[in-house]
């Protein structure tokens, strides 16, 4: 059985945005005073807090990334349930030997 690949799936764009937001979020946590204060007071920052502190252009890119991320999850689940694709590891999600350990 073949792997599921929707027509509009763009793996390169997904990887590009994934990398971009890993860096952007790390940068926000290091440099944004309001987020640093929230962390110091409550030790609890939600992803929505981070997105709220992004510039409008980054928020639009975030929306694009969420669409691609949902597609990736659907692809990974379909492939997993049909015995193809990547394996599932609790706490890590769908991974393969080529994935980097975070």
N, C-alpha and C. Protein backbone atom coordinates (compact mmCIF):
# COMPACT_ATOMS: atom_id res chain seq x y z
N UNK A 1 0.85 -1.18 0.00
CA UNK A 1 0.00 0.00 0.00
C UNK A 1 0.89 1.24 0.00
N UNK A 2 0.54 2.23 -0.78
CA UNK A 2 1.34 3.44 -0.89
C UNK A 2 1.11 4.38 0.29
N UNK A 3 2.11 5.24 0.50
CA UNK A 3 1.96 6.29 1.51
C UNK A 3 0.97 7.32 1.03
N UNK A 4 0.24 7.90 1.98
CA UNK A 4 -0.71 8.97 1.66
C UNK A 4 0.07 10.27 1.44
N UNK A 5 -0.19 10.96 0.35
CA UNK A 5 0.42 12.26 0.06
C UNK A 5 -0.63 13.15 -0.59
N UNK A 6 -1.28 14.05 0.16
CA UNK A 6 -2.26 14.95 -0.45
C UNK A 6 -1.65 15.80 -1.55
N UNK A 7 -2.49 16.20 -2.50
CA UNK A 7 -2.04 17.00 -3.64
C UNK A 7 -1.31 18.27 -3.22
N UNK A 8 -1.81 18.96 -2.22
CA UNK A 8 -1.26 20.26 -1.86
C UNK A 8 -0.21 20.16 -0.73
N UNK A 9 0.30 18.98 -0.44
CA UNK A 9 1.31 18.81 0.60
C UNK A 9 2.66 19.31 0.08
N UNK A 10 3.31 20.16 0.88
CA UNK A 10 4.60 20.73 0.50
C UNK A 10 5.58 20.48 1.64
N UNK A 11 6.26 19.35 1.58
CA UNK A 11 7.15 18.95 2.66
C UNK A 11 8.30 19.94 2.84
N UNK A 12 8.84 20.46 1.75
CA UNK A 12 9.95 21.42 1.86
C UNK A 12 9.51 22.68 2.60
N UNK A 13 8.30 23.17 2.27
CA UNK A 13 7.79 24.37 2.95
C UNK A 13 7.54 24.08 4.43
N UNK A 14 7.01 22.88 4.72
CA UNK A 14 6.78 22.48 6.11
C UNK A 14 8.10 22.52 6.89
N UNK A 15 9.14 21.92 6.32
CA UNK A 15 10.43 21.88 7.00
C UNK A 15 11.01 23.28 7.18
N UNK A 16 10.84 24.11 6.14
CA UNK A 16 11.33 25.49 6.20
C UNK A 16 10.65 26.26 7.34
N UNK A 17 9.32 26.18 7.41
CA UNK A 17 8.59 26.90 8.46
C UNK A 17 8.85 26.30 9.83
N UNK A 18 8.97 24.99 9.90
CA UNK A 18 9.26 24.33 11.17
C UNK A 18 10.58 24.85 11.74
N UNK A 19 11.59 24.89 10.93
CA UNK A 19 12.90 25.40 11.35
C UNK A 19 12.82 26.88 11.73
N UNK A 20 12.14 27.64 10.90
CA UNK A 20 11.99 29.08 11.15
C UNK A 20 11.36 29.32 12.52
N UNK A 21 10.28 28.60 12.84
CA UNK A 21 9.59 28.84 14.10
C UNK A 21 10.33 28.26 15.31
N UNK A 22 11.10 27.23 15.13
CA UNK A 22 11.95 26.76 16.23
C UNK A 22 12.91 27.87 16.64
N UNK A 23 13.51 28.51 15.65
CA UNK A 23 14.45 29.61 15.90
C UNK A 23 13.71 30.83 16.45
N UNK A 24 12.59 31.19 15.84
CA UNK A 24 11.82 32.37 16.24
C UNK A 24 11.35 32.24 17.69
N UNK A 25 10.83 31.08 18.06
CA UNK A 25 10.33 30.89 19.42
C UNK A 25 11.48 30.95 20.42
N UNK A 26 12.59 30.33 20.11
CA UNK A 26 13.76 30.42 21.00
C UNK A 26 14.19 31.87 21.17
N UNK A 27 14.21 32.61 20.07
CA UNK A 27 14.59 34.03 20.11
C UNK A 27 13.60 34.83 20.97
N UNK A 28 12.31 34.60 20.80
CA UNK A 28 11.31 35.30 21.60
C UNK A 28 11.51 35.03 23.09
N UNK A 29 11.76 33.78 23.43
CA UNK A 29 11.94 33.43 24.84
C UNK A 29 13.19 34.07 25.44
N UNK A 30 14.21 34.28 24.60
CA UNK A 30 15.45 34.89 25.10
C UNK A 30 15.39 36.41 25.16
N UNK A 31 14.59 37.03 24.26
CA UNK A 31 14.69 38.49 24.12
C UNK A 31 13.44 39.27 24.50
N UNK A 32 12.29 38.64 24.61
CA UNK A 32 11.05 39.37 24.88
C UNK A 32 10.85 39.53 26.38
N UNK A 33 10.94 40.77 26.85
CA UNK A 33 10.85 41.07 28.28
C UNK A 33 9.53 40.63 28.88
N UNK A 34 8.43 40.89 28.18
CA UNK A 34 7.11 40.52 28.71
C UNK A 34 7.00 39.01 28.90
N UNK A 35 7.51 38.24 27.94
CA UNK A 35 7.48 36.78 28.09
C UNK A 35 8.39 36.31 29.20
N UNK A 36 9.55 36.94 29.34
CA UNK A 36 10.48 36.58 30.41
C UNK A 36 9.86 36.84 31.77
N UNK A 37 9.14 37.95 31.90
CA UNK A 37 8.46 38.26 33.17
C UNK A 37 7.36 37.24 33.47
N UNK A 38 6.62 36.88 32.45
CA UNK A 38 5.55 35.90 32.64
C UNK A 38 6.13 34.56 33.09
N UNK A 39 7.23 34.17 32.48
CA UNK A 39 7.89 32.92 32.87
C UNK A 39 8.38 33.01 34.31
N UNK A 40 8.99 34.14 34.66
CA UNK A 40 9.52 34.32 36.02
C UNK A 40 8.41 34.29 37.06
N UNK A 41 7.25 34.84 36.73
CA UNK A 41 6.14 34.90 37.69
C UNK A 41 5.37 33.59 37.79
N UNK A 42 5.08 32.98 36.67
CA UNK A 42 4.17 31.84 36.68
C UNK A 42 4.79 30.54 36.18
N UNK A 43 5.95 30.62 35.55
CA UNK A 43 6.56 29.43 34.95
C UNK A 43 5.61 28.77 33.97
N UNK A 44 4.76 29.57 33.34
CA UNK A 44 3.77 28.99 32.45
C UNK A 44 3.52 29.92 31.27
N UNK A 45 4.02 29.57 30.12
CA UNK A 45 3.78 30.32 28.89
C UNK A 45 3.14 29.37 27.90
N UNK A 46 2.02 29.80 27.36
CA UNK A 46 1.31 29.01 26.36
C UNK A 46 1.83 29.36 24.97
N UNK A 47 1.65 28.46 24.04
CA UNK A 47 2.04 28.73 22.66
C UNK A 47 1.32 29.97 22.12
N UNK A 48 0.07 30.14 22.52
CA UNK A 48 -0.69 31.32 22.09
C UNK A 48 -0.03 32.62 22.58
N UNK A 49 0.60 32.59 23.75
CA UNK A 49 1.33 33.76 24.26
C UNK A 49 2.48 34.11 23.31
N UNK A 50 3.17 33.09 22.86
CA UNK A 50 4.29 33.32 21.94
C UNK A 50 3.80 33.90 20.62
N UNK A 51 2.74 33.33 20.09
CA UNK A 51 2.20 33.81 18.82
C UNK A 51 1.71 35.25 18.96
N UNK A 52 1.11 35.58 20.10
CA UNK A 52 0.63 36.95 20.34
C UNK A 52 1.78 37.96 20.30
N UNK A 53 2.99 37.54 20.63
CA UNK A 53 4.14 38.44 20.65
C UNK A 53 4.90 38.46 19.33
N UNK A 54 4.43 37.71 18.34
CA UNK A 54 5.06 37.71 17.03
C UNK A 54 4.54 38.89 16.21
N UNK A 55 5.33 39.32 15.25
CA UNK A 55 4.90 40.36 14.32
C UNK A 55 3.80 39.79 13.43
N UNK A 56 3.01 40.68 12.82
CA UNK A 56 1.88 40.26 11.98
C UNK A 56 2.30 39.29 10.88
N UNK A 57 3.41 39.57 10.24
CA UNK A 57 3.88 38.69 9.17
C UNK A 57 4.17 37.29 9.70
N UNK A 58 4.79 37.21 10.87
CA UNK A 58 5.07 35.91 11.46
C UNK A 58 3.78 35.20 11.89
N UNK A 59 2.79 35.96 12.34
CA UNK A 59 1.51 35.35 12.69
C UNK A 59 0.84 34.74 11.46
N UNK A 60 0.97 35.40 10.32
CA UNK A 60 0.42 34.85 9.08
C UNK A 60 1.18 33.59 8.66
N UNK A 61 2.50 33.63 8.80
CA UNK A 61 3.30 32.43 8.51
C UNK A 61 2.93 31.30 9.47
N UNK A 62 2.63 31.64 10.72
CA UNK A 62 2.24 30.64 11.72
C UNK A 62 0.95 29.94 11.27
N UNK A 63 -0.01 30.71 10.74
CA UNK A 63 -1.25 30.11 10.24
C UNK A 63 -0.96 29.14 9.10
N UNK A 64 -0.07 29.53 8.20
CA UNK A 64 0.33 28.63 7.11
C UNK A 64 0.97 27.37 7.67
N UNK A 65 1.84 27.53 8.67
CA UNK A 65 2.50 26.39 9.28
C UNK A 65 1.49 25.45 9.93
N UNK A 66 0.48 26.00 10.61
CA UNK A 66 -0.52 25.15 11.26
C UNK A 66 -1.28 24.29 10.26
N UNK A 67 -1.58 24.84 9.09
CA UNK A 67 -2.25 24.07 8.05
C UNK A 67 -1.35 22.91 7.61
N UNK A 68 -0.08 23.22 7.37
CA UNK A 68 0.87 22.18 6.96
C UNK A 68 1.09 21.15 8.07
N UNK A 69 1.15 21.60 9.31
CA UNK A 69 1.36 20.70 10.44
C UNK A 69 0.18 19.74 10.59
N UNK A 70 -1.03 20.24 10.39
CA UNK A 70 -2.22 19.37 10.44
C UNK A 70 -2.16 18.34 9.31
N UNK A 71 -1.76 18.78 8.11
CA UNK A 71 -1.63 17.84 7.00
C UNK A 71 -0.60 16.77 7.31
N UNK A 72 0.53 17.18 7.91
CA UNK A 72 1.59 16.23 8.24
C UNK A 72 1.08 15.20 9.24
N UNK A 73 0.35 15.65 10.24
CA UNK A 73 -0.20 14.72 11.23
C UNK A 73 -1.16 13.73 10.58
N UNK A 74 -2.02 14.22 9.69
CA UNK A 74 -2.95 13.34 9.00
C UNK A 74 -2.22 12.32 8.14
N UNK A 75 -1.19 12.76 7.44
CA UNK A 75 -0.38 11.86 6.62
C UNK A 75 0.29 10.81 7.49
N UNK A 76 0.92 11.26 8.57
CA UNK A 76 1.62 10.33 9.46
C UNK A 76 0.67 9.32 10.08
N UNK A 77 -0.49 9.77 10.50
CA UNK A 77 -1.47 8.85 11.11
C UNK A 77 -1.97 7.84 10.08
N UNK A 78 -2.33 8.31 8.88
CA UNK A 78 -2.82 7.41 7.84
C UNK A 78 -1.76 6.36 7.51
N UNK A 79 -0.53 6.83 7.29
CA UNK A 79 0.54 5.90 6.94
C UNK A 79 0.80 4.91 8.06
N UNK A 80 0.80 5.39 9.30
CA UNK A 80 1.03 4.51 10.45
C UNK A 80 -0.06 3.44 10.54
N UNK A 81 -1.30 3.86 10.40
CA UNK A 81 -2.42 2.92 10.50
C UNK A 81 -2.45 1.92 9.36
N UNK A 82 -1.80 2.24 8.25
CA UNK A 82 -1.74 1.33 7.11
C UNK A 82 -0.39 0.60 7.02
N UNK A 83 0.39 0.68 8.08
CA UNK A 83 1.63 -0.09 8.16
C UNK A 83 2.77 0.46 7.33
N UNK A 84 2.69 1.71 6.93
CA UNK A 84 3.78 2.33 6.18
C UNK A 84 4.19 3.61 6.90
N UNK A 85 5.20 4.26 6.41
CA UNK A 85 5.60 5.54 6.99
C UNK A 85 6.44 5.38 8.23
N UNK A 86 6.34 6.37 9.07
CA UNK A 86 7.20 6.46 10.24
C UNK A 86 6.56 5.80 11.46
N UNK A 87 7.39 5.47 12.41
CA UNK A 87 6.89 4.85 13.64
C UNK A 87 6.42 5.93 14.61
N UNK A 88 5.58 5.55 15.56
CA UNK A 88 5.08 6.47 16.57
C UNK A 88 5.79 6.19 17.88
N UNK A 89 6.32 7.25 18.51
CA UNK A 89 6.97 7.13 19.82
C UNK A 89 6.27 8.07 20.78
N UNK A 90 5.65 7.54 21.84
CA UNK A 90 4.99 8.41 22.82
C UNK A 90 5.96 9.48 23.33
N UNK A 91 5.47 10.70 23.38
CA UNK A 91 6.29 11.81 23.83
C UNK A 91 7.08 12.48 22.72
N UNK A 92 7.23 11.79 21.59
CA UNK A 92 7.98 12.33 20.46
C UNK A 92 7.12 12.44 19.21
N UNK A 93 6.08 11.63 19.11
CA UNK A 93 5.23 11.63 17.92
C UNK A 93 5.74 10.64 16.89
N UNK A 94 5.47 10.94 15.64
CA UNK A 94 5.89 10.07 14.54
C UNK A 94 7.33 10.40 14.19
N UNK A 95 8.18 9.41 14.27
CA UNK A 95 9.60 9.63 14.03
C UNK A 95 10.15 8.58 13.07
N UNK A 96 11.27 8.90 12.49
CA UNK A 96 11.98 7.94 11.66
C UNK A 96 13.46 8.02 12.03
N UNK A 97 14.22 7.12 11.49
CA UNK A 97 15.65 7.09 11.80
C UNK A 97 16.35 8.38 11.39
N UNK A 98 15.81 9.08 10.39
CA UNK A 98 16.45 10.31 9.93
C UNK A 98 16.05 11.54 10.77
N UNK A 99 15.04 11.39 11.65
CA UNK A 99 14.64 12.52 12.48
C UNK A 99 15.70 12.84 13.52
N UNK A 100 15.80 14.10 13.85
CA UNK A 100 16.74 14.54 14.87
C UNK A 100 16.07 14.43 16.23
N UNK A 101 16.77 13.94 17.21
CA UNK A 101 16.24 13.89 18.57
C UNK A 101 16.27 15.30 19.13
N UNK A 102 15.18 15.77 19.65
CA UNK A 102 15.11 17.13 20.20
C UNK A 102 15.42 17.05 21.63
